[in-house]
Amino acid sequence: MQKPLFIPRPLVRVNQWTILLFTVATWIFQQPLLLLIPLVANVLGLFFNFNPIMKFARLFLKKEPSSYIPEDVTQQKFNSSIAIFCLLIGFIGFICNLPVLGYTFTIMVALASSIAILGFCIGCFLFFQLNQLKYRLKKAS
């Protein structure tokens, strides 16, 4: 499947809200299976460029996708991989009756998604810092 050039910001926000809401719902209802919804959606998006949550949300865009603020696909895939890791470890923690592990990683992903909704992307900051480090290492050699 062809990799899109950018993702409209409203679709990214829907994905962030989905991660946050399903994580909180997991805590409230004590149902770790709820974590599979954002986990599977993000895995599909990362490996197959098909996030069903974003695909569904695209139906509700009122303007052309190109008229929204664009989000970089590479950065979003990086952010998605962090979310996948945290959701997966959290899910494993809950399923294996290790609630400290489950809560630790789901709290991290919930905080990251809520902070991103408010406007500061922790994953984007990490992505930038990693690229800066790569540049410095390359320049030093």
N, C-alpha and C. Protein backbone atom coordinates (compact mmCIF):
# COMPACT_ATOMS: atom_id res chain seq x y z
N MET A 1 0.84 -1.17 0.00
CA MET A 1 0.00 0.00 0.00
C MET A 1 0.89 1.24 0.00
N GLN A 2 0.52 2.26 -0.75
CA GLN A 2 1.32 3.46 -0.87
C GLN A 2 1.30 4.28 0.42
N LYS A 3 2.47 4.74 0.81
CA LYS A 3 2.60 5.53 2.03
C LYS A 3 2.10 6.95 1.74
N PRO A 4 1.16 7.46 2.56
CA PRO A 4 0.68 8.82 2.34
C PRO A 4 1.77 9.84 2.63
N LEU A 5 1.66 11.03 2.04
CA LEU A 5 2.65 12.07 2.24
C LEU A 5 2.50 12.74 3.61
N PHE A 6 1.27 12.87 4.07
CA PHE A 6 1.01 13.47 5.36
C PHE A 6 -0.32 12.94 5.89
N ILE A 7 -0.55 13.20 7.16
CA ILE A 7 -1.81 12.82 7.80
C ILE A 7 -2.46 14.10 8.30
N PRO A 8 -3.72 14.36 7.97
CA PRO A 8 -4.38 15.56 8.49
C PRO A 8 -4.46 15.52 10.02
N ARG A 9 -4.19 16.65 10.65
CA ARG A 9 -4.15 16.71 12.11
C ARG A 9 -5.41 16.17 12.79
N PRO A 10 -6.62 16.42 12.28
CA PRO A 10 -7.79 15.87 12.98
C PRO A 10 -7.77 14.34 13.10
N LEU A 11 -7.20 13.67 12.11
CA LEU A 11 -7.11 12.21 12.17
C LEU A 11 -6.11 11.77 13.24
N VAL A 12 -5.03 12.50 13.36
CA VAL A 12 -4.04 12.21 14.40
C VAL A 12 -4.68 12.43 15.77
N ARG A 13 -5.45 13.50 15.90
CA ARG A 13 -6.11 13.79 17.18
C ARG A 13 -7.12 12.69 17.55
N VAL A 14 -7.85 12.20 16.57
CA VAL A 14 -8.79 11.12 16.85
C VAL A 14 -8.05 9.90 17.36
N ASN A 15 -6.92 9.58 16.77
CA ASN A 15 -6.13 8.45 17.22
C ASN A 15 -5.63 8.67 18.65
N GLN A 16 -5.18 9.88 18.95
CA GLN A 16 -4.71 10.20 20.31
C GLN A 16 -5.85 10.07 21.32
N TRP A 17 -7.01 10.58 20.96
CA TRP A 17 -8.17 10.47 21.85
C TRP A 17 -8.56 9.01 22.05
N THR A 18 -8.47 8.21 21.00
CA THR A 18 -8.81 6.79 21.10
C THR A 18 -7.87 6.09 22.08
N ILE A 19 -6.59 6.37 21.96
CA ILE A 19 -5.61 5.77 22.89
C ILE A 19 -5.95 6.18 24.32
N LEU A 20 -6.18 7.46 24.53
CA LEU A 20 -6.47 7.96 25.87
C LEU A 20 -7.76 7.36 26.44
N LEU A 21 -8.83 7.41 25.67
CA LEU A 21 -10.13 6.94 26.17
C LEU A 21 -10.16 5.43 26.43
N PHE A 22 -9.56 4.66 25.54
CA PHE A 22 -9.57 3.21 25.75
C PHE A 22 -8.64 2.80 26.89
N THR A 23 -7.58 3.57 27.10
CA THR A 23 -6.70 3.29 28.24
C THR A 23 -7.43 3.58 29.55
N VAL A 24 -8.09 4.71 29.62
CA VAL A 24 -8.85 5.06 30.82
C VAL A 24 -10.00 4.07 31.03
N ALA A 25 -10.66 3.67 29.95
CA ALA A 25 -11.74 2.68 30.05
C ALA A 25 -11.21 1.34 30.58
N THR A 26 -9.98 1.00 30.20
CA THR A 26 -9.36 -0.23 30.71
C THR A 26 -9.23 -0.17 32.22
N TRP A 27 -8.82 0.97 32.73
CA TRP A 27 -8.68 1.13 34.18
C TRP A 27 -10.03 1.10 34.88
N ILE A 28 -11.01 1.81 34.32
CA ILE A 28 -12.32 1.91 34.96
C ILE A 28 -13.02 0.56 34.99
N PHE A 29 -13.04 -0.12 33.84
CA PHE A 29 -13.79 -1.37 33.74
C PHE A 29 -12.96 -2.62 34.03
N GLN A 30 -11.66 -2.42 34.31
CA GLN A 30 -10.76 -3.54 34.59
C GLN A 30 -10.81 -4.59 33.47
N GLN A 31 -10.81 -4.12 32.23
CA GLN A 31 -10.88 -4.98 31.05
C GLN A 31 -9.69 -4.71 30.14
N PRO A 32 -8.58 -5.43 30.33
CA PRO A 32 -7.40 -5.19 29.50
C PRO A 32 -7.62 -5.41 28.01
N LEU A 33 -8.64 -6.18 27.65
CA LEU A 33 -8.91 -6.41 26.22
C LEU A 33 -9.24 -5.11 25.49
N LEU A 34 -9.71 -4.10 26.23
CA LEU A 34 -10.00 -2.81 25.60
C LEU A 34 -8.73 -2.17 25.01
N LEU A 35 -7.58 -2.51 25.57
CA LEU A 35 -6.31 -1.98 25.03
C LEU A 35 -6.03 -2.49 23.63
N LEU A 36 -6.65 -3.62 23.27
CA LEU A 36 -6.40 -4.19 21.94
C LEU A 36 -6.95 -3.31 20.82
N ILE A 37 -7.95 -2.50 21.10
CA ILE A 37 -8.52 -1.65 20.04
C ILE A 37 -7.49 -0.64 19.55
N PRO A 38 -6.94 0.23 20.42
CA PRO A 38 -5.91 1.14 19.88
C PRO A 38 -4.62 0.42 19.50
N LEU A 39 -4.31 -0.68 20.18
CA LEU A 39 -3.09 -1.42 19.87
C LEU A 39 -3.14 -2.00 18.46
N VAL A 40 -4.20 -2.71 18.14
CA VAL A 40 -4.33 -3.32 16.81
C VAL A 40 -4.43 -2.24 15.73
N ALA A 41 -5.19 -1.18 15.99
CA ALA A 41 -5.33 -0.10 15.01
C ALA A 41 -3.97 0.52 14.69
N ASN A 42 -3.16 0.75 15.71
CA ASN A 42 -1.85 1.36 15.48
C ASN A 42 -0.86 0.39 14.84
N VAL A 43 -0.95 -0.89 15.17
CA VAL A 43 -0.10 -1.89 14.51
C VAL A 43 -0.43 -1.94 13.01
N LEU A 44 -1.71 -1.95 12.69
CA LEU A 44 -2.12 -1.95 11.28
C LEU A 44 -1.64 -0.68 10.57
N GLY A 45 -1.73 0.45 11.26
CA GLY A 45 -1.26 1.70 10.68
C GLY A 45 0.24 1.70 10.46
N LEU A 46 0.98 1.16 11.42
CA LEU A 46 2.43 1.15 11.33
C LEU A 46 2.92 0.24 10.20
N PHE A 47 2.37 -0.95 10.12
CA PHE A 47 2.89 -1.94 9.16
C PHE A 47 2.18 -1.96 7.81
N PHE A 48 0.91 -1.54 7.79
CA PHE A 48 0.14 -1.64 6.55
C PHE A 48 -0.43 -0.31 6.07
N ASN A 49 -0.07 0.79 6.74
CA ASN A 49 -0.59 2.12 6.40
C ASN A 49 -2.11 2.15 6.38
N PHE A 50 -2.71 1.36 7.27
CA PHE A 50 -4.18 1.32 7.35
C PHE A 50 -4.58 1.30 8.82
N ASN A 51 -4.83 2.48 9.37
CA ASN A 51 -5.33 2.58 10.73
C ASN A 51 -6.85 2.70 10.63
N PRO A 52 -7.60 1.67 11.06
CA PRO A 52 -9.06 1.72 10.88
C PRO A 52 -9.72 2.87 11.62
N ILE A 53 -9.14 3.31 12.71
CA ILE A 53 -9.72 4.45 13.44
C ILE A 53 -9.60 5.71 12.60
N MET A 54 -8.43 5.93 12.03
CA MET A 54 -8.24 7.11 11.17
C MET A 54 -9.05 7.00 9.89
N LYS A 55 -9.14 5.79 9.37
CA LYS A 55 -9.92 5.59 8.13
C LYS A 55 -11.38 5.94 8.37
N PHE A 56 -11.91 5.51 9.52
CA PHE A 56 -13.30 5.82 9.86
C PHE A 56 -13.46 7.31 10.11
N ALA A 57 -12.53 7.91 10.83
CA ALA A 57 -12.61 9.34 11.13
C ALA A 57 -12.52 10.19 9.86
N ARG A 58 -11.82 9.69 8.86
CA ARG A 58 -11.69 10.43 7.60
C ARG A 58 -13.06 10.71 6.97
N LEU A 59 -14.03 9.83 7.23
CA LEU A 59 -15.39 10.02 6.69
C LEU A 59 -16.04 11.30 7.22
N PHE A 60 -15.57 11.78 8.37
CA PHE A 60 -16.19 12.93 9.01
C PHE A 60 -15.44 14.25 8.78
N LEU A 61 -14.38 14.21 7.97
CA LEU A 61 -13.68 15.45 7.64
C LEU A 61 -14.60 16.33 6.81
N LYS A 62 -14.68 17.59 7.18
CA LYS A 62 -15.59 18.50 6.47
C LYS A 62 -14.94 19.16 5.27
N LYS A 63 -13.61 19.22 5.28
CA LYS A 63 -12.88 19.85 4.18
C LYS A 63 -12.00 18.79 3.51
N GLU A 64 -11.33 19.22 2.45
CA GLU A 64 -10.36 18.35 1.80
C GLU A 64 -9.23 18.05 2.78
N PRO A 65 -8.73 16.82 2.82
CA PRO A 65 -7.64 16.49 3.75
C PRO A 65 -6.44 17.44 3.63
N SER A 66 -6.16 17.92 2.42
CA SER A 66 -5.00 18.80 2.22
C SER A 66 -5.19 20.18 2.85
N SER A 67 -6.41 20.54 3.23
CA SER A 67 -6.64 21.86 3.82
C SER A 67 -6.40 21.89 5.33
N TYR A 68 -6.16 20.73 5.93
CA TYR A 68 -5.88 20.66 7.36
C TYR A 68 -4.37 20.76 7.59
N ILE A 69 -3.99 21.08 8.82
CA ILE A 69 -2.57 21.11 9.18
C ILE A 69 -2.01 19.70 8.99
N PRO A 70 -0.93 19.58 8.20
CA PRO A 70 -0.36 18.25 7.93
C PRO A 70 0.54 17.77 9.08
N GLU A 71 0.46 16.49 9.35
CA GLU A 71 1.35 15.83 10.32
C GLU A 71 2.24 14.88 9.53
N ASP A 72 3.52 14.91 9.81
CA ASP A 72 4.50 14.10 9.11
C ASP A 72 4.27 12.61 9.37
N VAL A 73 4.23 11.84 8.32
CA VAL A 73 3.98 10.40 8.43
C VAL A 73 5.10 9.69 9.18
N THR A 74 6.34 10.04 8.90
CA THR A 74 7.46 9.39 9.57
C THR A 74 7.41 9.62 11.07
N GLN A 75 7.14 10.87 11.46
CA GLN A 75 7.03 11.18 12.89
C GLN A 75 5.85 10.45 13.52
N GLN A 76 4.75 10.38 12.81
CA GLN A 76 3.57 9.71 13.36
C GLN A 76 3.82 8.21 13.51
N LYS A 77 4.56 7.64 12.59
CA LYS A 77 4.89 6.21 12.72
C LYS A 77 5.82 5.99 13.92
N PHE A 78 6.74 6.91 14.14
CA PHE A 78 7.60 6.83 15.32
C PHE A 78 6.76 6.91 16.59
N ASN A 79 5.86 7.89 16.64
CA ASN A 79 4.97 8.05 17.79
C ASN A 79 4.10 6.81 17.98
N SER A 80 3.61 6.29 16.89
CA SER A 80 2.77 5.10 16.94
C SER A 80 3.54 3.90 17.48
N SER A 81 4.81 3.79 17.11
CA SER A 81 5.60 2.66 17.61
C SER A 81 5.81 2.77 19.12
N ILE A 82 5.97 3.98 19.64
CA ILE A 82 6.08 4.17 21.08
C ILE A 82 4.76 3.78 21.76
N ALA A 83 3.64 4.23 21.18
CA ALA A 83 2.33 3.89 21.74
C ALA A 83 2.10 2.39 21.70
N ILE A 84 2.46 1.74 20.59
CA ILE A 84 2.31 0.29 20.47
C ILE A 84 3.10 -0.41 21.56
N PHE A 85 4.34 -0.01 21.76
CA PHE A 85 5.18 -0.62 22.79
C PHE A 85 4.52 -0.48 24.17
N CYS A 86 4.10 0.73 24.52
CA CYS A 86 3.50 0.96 25.84
C CYS A 86 2.18 0.20 26.01
N LEU A 87 1.34 0.22 24.98
CA LEU A 87 0.07 -0.50 25.05
C LEU A 87 0.30 -2.01 25.17
N LEU A 88 1.25 -2.52 24.41
CA LEU A 88 1.54 -3.96 24.44
C LEU A 88 2.08 -4.39 25.80
N ILE A 89 3.05 -3.66 26.33
CA ILE A 89 3.61 -4.02 27.64
C ILE A 89 2.54 -3.86 28.72
N GLY A 90 1.72 -2.82 28.62
CA GLY A 90 0.63 -2.64 29.57
C GLY A 90 -0.36 -3.79 29.50
N PHE A 91 -0.72 -4.18 28.29
CA PHE A 91 -1.65 -5.30 28.09
C PHE A 91 -1.07 -6.58 28.68
N ILE A 92 0.19 -6.87 28.38
CA ILE A 92 0.85 -8.07 28.91
C ILE A 92 0.87 -8.03 30.43
N GLY A 93 1.16 -6.85 30.98
CA GLY A 93 1.18 -6.71 32.43
C GLY A 93 -0.16 -7.04 33.06
N PHE A 94 -1.24 -6.53 32.48
CA PHE A 94 -2.57 -6.81 33.03
C PHE A 94 -2.95 -8.28 32.86
N ILE A 95 -2.67 -8.84 31.68
CA ILE A 95 -3.04 -10.23 31.40
C ILE A 95 -2.25 -11.19 32.29
N CYS A 96 -0.99 -10.88 32.57
CA CYS A 96 -0.13 -11.75 33.39
C CYS A 96 -0.25 -11.44 34.88
N ASN A 97 -1.27 -10.68 35.23
CA ASN A 97 -1.52 -10.33 36.63
C ASN A 97 -0.33 -9.60 37.26
N LEU A 98 0.23 -8.68 36.50
CA LEU A 98 1.30 -7.80 36.97
C LEU A 98 0.79 -6.35 36.86
N PRO A 99 -0.11 -5.97 37.77
CA PRO A 99 -0.76 -4.67 37.62
C PRO A 99 0.19 -3.48 37.65
N VAL A 100 1.30 -3.59 38.37
CA VAL A 100 2.25 -2.47 38.40
C VAL A 100 2.80 -2.23 37.00
N LEU A 101 3.16 -3.29 36.31
CA LEU A 101 3.64 -3.18 34.94
C LEU A 101 2.54 -2.63 34.03
N GLY A 102 1.34 -3.16 34.17
CA GLY A 102 0.22 -2.72 33.34
C GLY A 102 -0.08 -1.25 33.54
N TYR A 103 -0.19 -0.83 34.78
CA TYR A 103 -0.51 0.57 35.05
C TYR A 103 0.64 1.50 34.66
N THR A 104 1.87 1.08 34.90
CA THR A 104 3.02 1.93 34.58
C THR A 104 3.02 2.30 33.09
N PHE A 105 2.88 1.30 32.24
CA PHE A 105 2.96 1.56 30.80
C PHE A 105 1.69 2.20 30.24
N THR A 106 0.54 1.86 30.79
CA THR A 106 -0.68 2.51 30.29
C THR A 106 -0.79 3.95 30.79
N ILE A 107 -0.26 4.23 31.98
CA ILE A 107 -0.23 5.62 32.45
C ILE A 107 0.70 6.44 31.55
N MET A 108 1.85 5.86 31.18
CA MET A 108 2.77 6.58 30.29
C MET A 108 2.11 6.91 28.96
N VAL A 109 1.43 5.94 28.36
CA VAL A 109 0.82 6.20 27.05
C VAL A 109 -0.37 7.14 27.18
N ALA A 110 -1.12 7.05 28.28
CA ALA A 110 -2.24 7.97 28.49
C ALA A 110 -1.74 9.39 28.70
N LEU A 111 -0.67 9.55 29.48
CA LEU A 111 -0.10 10.88 29.68
C LEU A 111 0.44 11.45 28.37
N ALA A 112 1.15 10.63 27.63
CA ALA A 112 1.72 11.10 26.36
C ALA A 112 0.62 11.52 25.39
N SER A 113 -0.45 10.73 25.30
CA SER A 113 -1.52 11.10 24.36
C SER A 113 -2.28 12.34 24.84
N SER A 114 -2.49 12.47 26.15
CA SER A 114 -3.20 13.65 26.63
C SER A 114 -2.35 14.91 26.49
N ILE A 115 -1.04 14.80 26.72
CA ILE A 115 -0.16 15.95 26.52
C ILE A 115 -0.11 16.32 25.03
N ALA A 116 -0.12 15.32 24.15
CA ALA A 116 -0.13 15.58 22.71
C ALA A 116 -1.43 16.28 22.30
N ILE A 117 -2.53 15.87 22.89
CA ILE A 117 -3.82 16.52 22.59
C ILE A 117 -3.76 18.00 22.98
N LEU A 118 -3.06 18.27 24.08
CA LEU A 118 -2.93 19.66 24.54
C LEU A 118 -1.93 20.47 23.71
N GLY A 119 -1.14 19.79 22.87
CA GLY A 119 -0.30 20.53 21.94
C GLY A 119 1.18 20.25 21.97
N PHE A 120 1.68 19.48 22.94
CA PHE A 120 3.11 19.15 22.98
C PHE A 120 3.27 17.67 22.76
N CYS A 121 3.97 17.31 21.70
CA CYS A 121 4.14 15.90 21.35
C CYS A 121 5.47 15.40 21.90
N ILE A 122 5.38 14.56 22.92
CA ILE A 122 6.58 13.99 23.53
C ILE A 122 7.34 13.12 22.53
N GLY A 123 6.60 12.32 21.76
CA GLY A 123 7.24 11.48 20.75
C GLY A 123 7.97 12.30 19.70
N CYS A 124 7.39 13.43 19.30
CA CYS A 124 8.04 14.31 18.32
C CYS A 124 9.32 14.89 18.90
N PHE A 125 9.28 15.24 20.18
CA PHE A 125 10.47 15.76 20.86
C PHE A 125 11.57 14.70 20.88
N LEU A 126 11.20 13.45 21.22
CA LEU A 126 12.18 12.36 21.22
C LEU A 126 12.74 12.10 19.82
N PHE A 127 11.85 12.15 18.83
CA PHE A 127 12.25 11.95 17.43
C PHE A 127 13.29 13.01 17.03
N PHE A 128 13.02 14.26 17.39
CA PHE A 128 13.94 15.36 17.09
C PHE A 128 15.28 15.15 17.79
N GLN A 129 15.24 14.78 19.06
CA GLN A 129 16.48 14.58 19.82
C GLN A 129 17.30 13.42 19.24
N LEU A 130 16.64 12.35 18.84
CA LEU A 130 17.35 11.23 18.21
C LEU A 130 18.01 11.65 16.90
N ASN A 131 17.30 12.43 16.10
CA ASN A 131 17.88 12.91 14.85
C ASN A 131 19.04 13.86 15.11
N GLN A 132 18.94 14.69 16.14
CA GLN A 132 20.05 15.57 16.50
C GLN A 132 21.27 14.74 16.91
N LEU A 133 21.04 13.70 17.69
CA LEU A 133 22.13 12.83 18.13
C LEU A 133 22.79 12.15 16.93
N LYS A 134 21.98 11.64 16.01
CA LYS A 134 22.52 11.01 14.80
C LYS A 134 23.38 12.00 14.01
N TYR A 135 22.89 13.23 13.89
CA TYR A 135 23.62 14.26 13.16
C TYR A 135 24.95 14.56 13.84
N ARG A 136 24.94 14.73 15.17
CA ARG A 136 26.15 15.02 15.90
C ARG A 136 27.17 13.89 15.80
N LEU A 137 26.69 12.65 15.89
CA LEU A 137 27.58 11.50 15.77
C LEU A 137 28.18 11.40 14.37
N LYS A 138 27.35 11.67 13.38
CA LYS A 138 27.83 11.62 11.99
C LYS A 138 28.85 12.74 11.73
N LYS A 139 28.57 13.92 12.29
CA LYS A 139 29.45 15.07 12.11
C LYS A 139 30.79 14.84 12.83
N ALA A 140 30.75 14.17 13.97
CA ALA A 140 31.96 13.93 14.76
C ALA A 140 32.88 12.88 14.11
N SER A 141 32.31 12.00 13.31
CA SER A 141 33.15 10.94 12.71
C SER A 141 33.76 11.33 11.40
